[in-house]
Each structure stands twice: as structure tokens, then as C-alpha cells.
């Protein structure tokens, strides 16, 4: 393994020696030691997420790139990953909520950040990750029928539509595709 040189920016030789010993101890314990670990920017970790999505041909790549471009990078770009704390993540959450973003949308952005830090740790680019919380989502759907309303509407449907599993209350069965020629009879 090639030795790396790095400046400690320390004027005290004893402090520089302690740093060297600490790094040697980390190396002996199998902890990645690199002068670059403390210099990695969040931008690089986010780029790794995009690369991962491309490699794995994830269909949501476009959505992820949009979230990164519009929300994540404007807040985190240029920051060192090692100095990003949970408090920084919480400030991001608050800024997004104040901008009117729903918790579900913010959670998708937080998942991208979690993925970035996870990939960075796997690649040995960072040693520690901030805690990234998940927000409570309000996914209550509105506009569904009560049972008596459903049965009233069902009476007005043609026979082929009434037989669909999706409409007769058997939600545990797969919905069969509707053949439009049969439905129009």
C-alpha cells in the first residue's frame, strides 16, 4: 500500500505525533485511514446515489435527480459530509416544511440522503453517518365510500362491472383486468 502524505496544519510537533499515532492505531484496527475522509463533500455522496440508480436501472432515477437538483443540493451542496450533523438534517426538514412540502415528500428526500451516507460508508469515504429521522406521514385517503353508499352505487352498475373482485368487497383477491368489449354490453 502506498503511503499518503498529509499536512496536519499543526505547529506543535507533539500534537502532530499524537495524530499520527491515532491514524496508525485506526489502520491497525482496520478502520479506513485517508486524508480524504474528512474532505468528502455531500455532493460526491449524492453523485454516488445517482450512479447507483443508473447501475441498477431504477425507474425512479428521474424523480431522484429532480429532488436532488431542486431540494437537496441547494441546501447541502459544498458541505463536508463529516461535518453534517443530525441538527443540519433537522434544519433541512424544517426548511422543506416551511416551504410547504408534505412529510411524505420530505421523507423521500431524506431516503436519498440516507442512501448517500450508506453508500459513502460502504465505499470507505466516510466513517460516521448522522441520524436521519423519518417523519410521520399522513396517508389517510379521502373520498372513499361507506358500505351503504357503495352498495347503492353497485346497484346501478352493469352486471359485468358488479362481478369484478375489486368491486364486490373481496380485496384479498387480485383484480382481474376489465375487457372493454364485455363492459360495454
Protein backbone atom coordinates (compact mmCIF):
# COMPACT_ATOMS: atom_id res chain seq x y z
CA UNK A 1 0.00 0.00 0.00
CA UNK A 2 1.35 3.39 -0.98
CA UNK A 3 1.95 5.81 1.89
CA UNK A 4 -0.06 9.01 1.80
CA UNK A 5 1.32 12.32 2.93
CA UNK A 6 -0.88 14.87 4.55
CA UNK A 7 -0.27 18.08 6.35
CA UNK A 8 -1.68 18.29 9.86
CA UNK A 9 -1.69 22.08 9.86
CA UNK A 10 -0.38 21.76 13.41
CA UNK A 11 2.53 23.79 14.73
CA UNK A 12 3.09 21.62 17.80
CA UNK A 13 5.23 18.55 16.93
CA UNK A 14 3.80 16.60 19.90
CA UNK A 15 0.24 17.15 18.66
CA UNK A 16 1.25 16.06 15.15
CA UNK A 17 2.85 12.90 16.58
CA UNK A 18 -0.37 12.11 18.54
CA UNK A 19 -2.40 12.48 15.33
CA UNK A 20 -0.02 10.13 13.52
CA UNK A 21 -0.28 7.55 16.31
CA UNK A 22 -4.07 7.83 16.24
CA UNK A 23 -4.09 7.22 12.49
CA UNK A 24 -1.73 4.26 12.84
CA UNK A 25 -3.99 2.80 15.54
CA UNK A 26 -7.02 3.19 13.28
CA UNK A 27 -5.18 1.45 10.46
CA UNK A 28 -4.22 -1.41 12.79
CA UNK A 29 -7.90 -1.83 13.78
CA UNK A 30 -8.97 -1.98 10.12
CA UNK A 31 -10.58 1.45 10.10
CA UNK A 32 -10.02 3.15 6.75
CA UNK A 33 -7.45 5.91 7.12
CA UNK A 34 -7.22 8.50 4.42
CA UNK A 35 -6.59 12.21 4.31
CA UNK A 36 -9.61 12.39 2.01
CA UNK A 37 -12.13 11.02 4.53
CA UNK A 38 -12.59 14.37 6.19
CA UNK A 39 -12.72 16.19 2.85
CA UNK A 40 -15.56 14.30 1.14
CA UNK A 41 -18.43 16.62 0.26
CA UNK A 42 -22.07 15.65 0.32
CA UNK A 43 -22.14 16.42 -3.40
CA UNK A 44 -19.87 13.40 -4.01
CA UNK A 45 -22.04 11.12 -1.88
CA UNK A 46 -25.16 12.32 -3.74
CA UNK A 47 -23.43 11.66 -7.08
CA UNK A 48 -22.83 8.11 -5.86
CA UNK A 49 -26.58 7.71 -5.29
CA UNK A 50 -27.30 8.77 -8.87
CA UNK A 51 -24.63 6.35 -10.12
CA UNK A 52 -26.20 3.55 -8.04
CA UNK A 53 -29.64 4.30 -9.52
CA UNK A 54 -28.16 4.20 -13.04
CA UNK A 55 -26.22 0.97 -12.45
CA UNK A 56 -29.34 -0.70 -11.06
CA UNK A 57 -31.57 0.82 -13.76
CA UNK A 58 -34.04 2.15 -11.24
CA UNK A 59 -37.09 3.65 -12.92
CA UNK A 60 -37.32 6.40 -10.32
CA UNK A 61 -34.00 7.95 -11.40
CA UNK A 62 -35.72 11.00 -12.89
CA UNK A 63 -37.63 11.67 -9.67
CA UNK A 64 -34.48 11.27 -7.60
CA UNK A 65 -32.49 13.61 -9.84
CA UNK A 66 -35.25 16.23 -9.61
CA UNK A 67 -35.36 16.02 -5.80
CA UNK A 68 -31.57 16.29 -5.65
CA UNK A 69 -31.43 19.25 -8.03
CA UNK A 70 -34.36 21.20 -6.57
CA UNK A 71 -34.13 20.49 -2.83
CA UNK A 72 -31.14 18.53 -1.56
CA UNK A 73 -28.19 20.18 -3.29
CA UNK A 74 -29.41 23.75 -2.79
CA UNK A 75 -29.34 23.05 0.96
CA UNK A 76 -26.34 20.72 1.33
CA UNK A 77 -24.03 21.45 -1.63
CA UNK A 78 -20.46 22.26 -0.66
CA UNK A 79 -20.75 20.86 2.87
CA UNK A 80 -18.27 18.31 4.11
CA UNK A 81 -20.03 15.03 4.84
CA UNK A 82 -18.07 14.52 8.06
CA UNK A 83 -19.37 17.80 9.50
CA UNK A 84 -23.03 17.16 8.61
CA UNK A 85 -24.96 16.54 11.81
CA UNK A 86 -28.46 15.47 12.75
CA UNK A 87 -29.11 19.13 13.57
CA UNK A 88 -28.29 20.00 9.93
CA UNK A 89 -30.74 17.34 8.76
CA UNK A 90 -33.41 18.74 11.08
CA UNK A 91 -32.80 22.26 9.71
CA UNK A 92 -33.30 20.83 6.21
CA UNK A 93 -36.57 19.20 7.32
CA UNK A 94 -37.81 22.45 8.84
CA UNK A 95 -36.88 24.45 5.74
CA UNK A 96 -38.73 22.00 3.49
CA UNK A 97 -41.81 22.00 5.73
CA UNK A 98 -41.80 25.80 5.84
CA UNK A 99 -41.66 25.76 2.03
CA UNK A 100 -44.90 23.73 2.09
CA UNK A 101 -43.53 20.24 1.42
CA UNK A 102 -45.56 17.37 2.84
CA UNK A 103 -43.86 14.96 5.23
CA UNK A 104 -44.11 12.20 2.62
CA UNK A 105 -42.14 14.29 0.12
CA UNK A 106 -39.54 15.24 2.72
CA UNK A 107 -39.21 11.55 3.67
CA UNK A 108 -38.37 10.66 0.04
CA UNK A 109 -35.63 13.30 0.13
CA UNK A 110 -34.36 12.00 3.47
CA UNK A 111 -34.20 8.49 1.96
CA UNK A 112 -31.88 9.86 -0.72
CA UNK A 113 -29.65 11.38 1.97
CA UNK A 114 -29.66 8.12 3.95
CA UNK A 115 -28.68 6.25 0.82
CA UNK A 116 -25.88 8.72 0.14
CA UNK A 117 -24.39 8.30 3.60
CA UNK A 118 -24.80 4.50 3.45
CA UNK A 119 -23.06 4.25 0.09
CA UNK A 120 -20.31 6.56 1.35
CA UNK A 121 -19.76 4.36 4.41
CA UNK A 122 -19.69 1.17 2.28
CA UNK A 123 -17.12 2.75 -0.02
CA UNK A 124 -14.96 3.83 2.93
CA UNK A 125 -15.40 7.50 2.05
CA UNK A 126 -16.88 8.36 5.46
CA UNK A 127 -16.71 6.73 8.87
CA UNK A 128 -19.79 8.13 10.59
CA UNK A 129 -23.31 8.97 9.49
CA UNK A 130 -25.74 11.39 11.08
CA UNK A 131 -29.04 10.08 12.37
CA UNK A 132 -31.63 10.84 9.71
CA UNK A 133 -35.15 10.63 11.16
CA UNK A 134 -38.27 9.54 9.30
CA UNK A 135 -41.26 11.83 9.59
CA UNK A 136 -44.77 10.65 10.32
CA UNK A 137 -46.80 10.62 7.14
CA UNK A 138 -50.50 11.36 6.94
CA UNK A 139 -51.59 8.99 4.21
CA UNK A 140 -55.27 8.92 5.08
CA UNK A 141 -57.14 8.77 1.80
CA UNK A 142 -60.24 10.82 1.35
CA UNK A 143 -63.25 10.25 -0.84
CA UNK A 144 -63.95 6.57 -0.27
CA UNK A 145 -67.46 5.20 0.09
CA UNK A 146 -69.04 3.90 3.23
CA UNK A 147 -70.51 0.40 2.81
CA UNK A 148 -74.14 1.58 2.31
CA UNK A 149 -73.04 4.17 -0.28
CA UNK A 150 -71.01 1.53 -2.07
CA UNK A 151 -73.96 -0.84 -2.26
CA UNK A 152 -76.19 1.94 -3.65
CA UNK A 153 -73.73 2.69 -6.45
CA UNK A 154 -73.23 -1.01 -7.09
CA UNK A 155 -76.95 -1.43 -7.87
CA UNK A 156 -76.61 1.00 -10.80
CA UNK A 157 -73.63 -0.75 -12.40
CA UNK A 158 -73.95 -3.18 -15.29
CA UNK A 159 -73.64 -6.88 -14.50
CA UNK A 160 -70.04 -7.32 -15.76
CA UNK A 161 -68.85 -4.48 -13.51
CA UNK A 162 -70.70 -5.87 -10.49
CA UNK A 163 -68.79 -9.13 -10.83
CA UNK A 164 -65.35 -7.60 -10.59
CA UNK A 165 -63.49 -8.73 -7.50
CA UNK A 166 -62.38 -5.14 -6.94
CA UNK A 167 -65.97 -4.04 -6.50
CA UNK A 168 -67.53 -6.87 -4.52
CA UNK A 169 -65.52 -6.36 -1.34
CA UNK A 170 -63.03 -9.20 -1.88
CA UNK A 171 -59.93 -7.07 -1.50
CA UNK A 172 -57.73 -10.09 -0.84
CA UNK A 173 -58.01 -11.31 -4.44
CA UNK A 174 -56.21 -9.83 -7.40
CA UNK A 175 -58.21 -7.50 -9.60
CA UNK A 176 -58.90 -9.03 -12.99
CA UNK A 177 -58.31 -6.77 -15.98
CA UNK A 178 -61.53 -5.42 -17.44
CA UNK A 179 -62.20 -6.37 -21.05
CA UNK A 180 -63.78 -3.23 -22.56
CA UNK A 181 -65.85 -5.28 -25.05
CA UNK A 182 -67.57 -7.10 -22.20
CA UNK A 183 -68.11 -3.99 -20.11
CA UNK A 184 -69.97 -2.15 -22.87
CA UNK A 185 -72.68 -4.85 -23.26
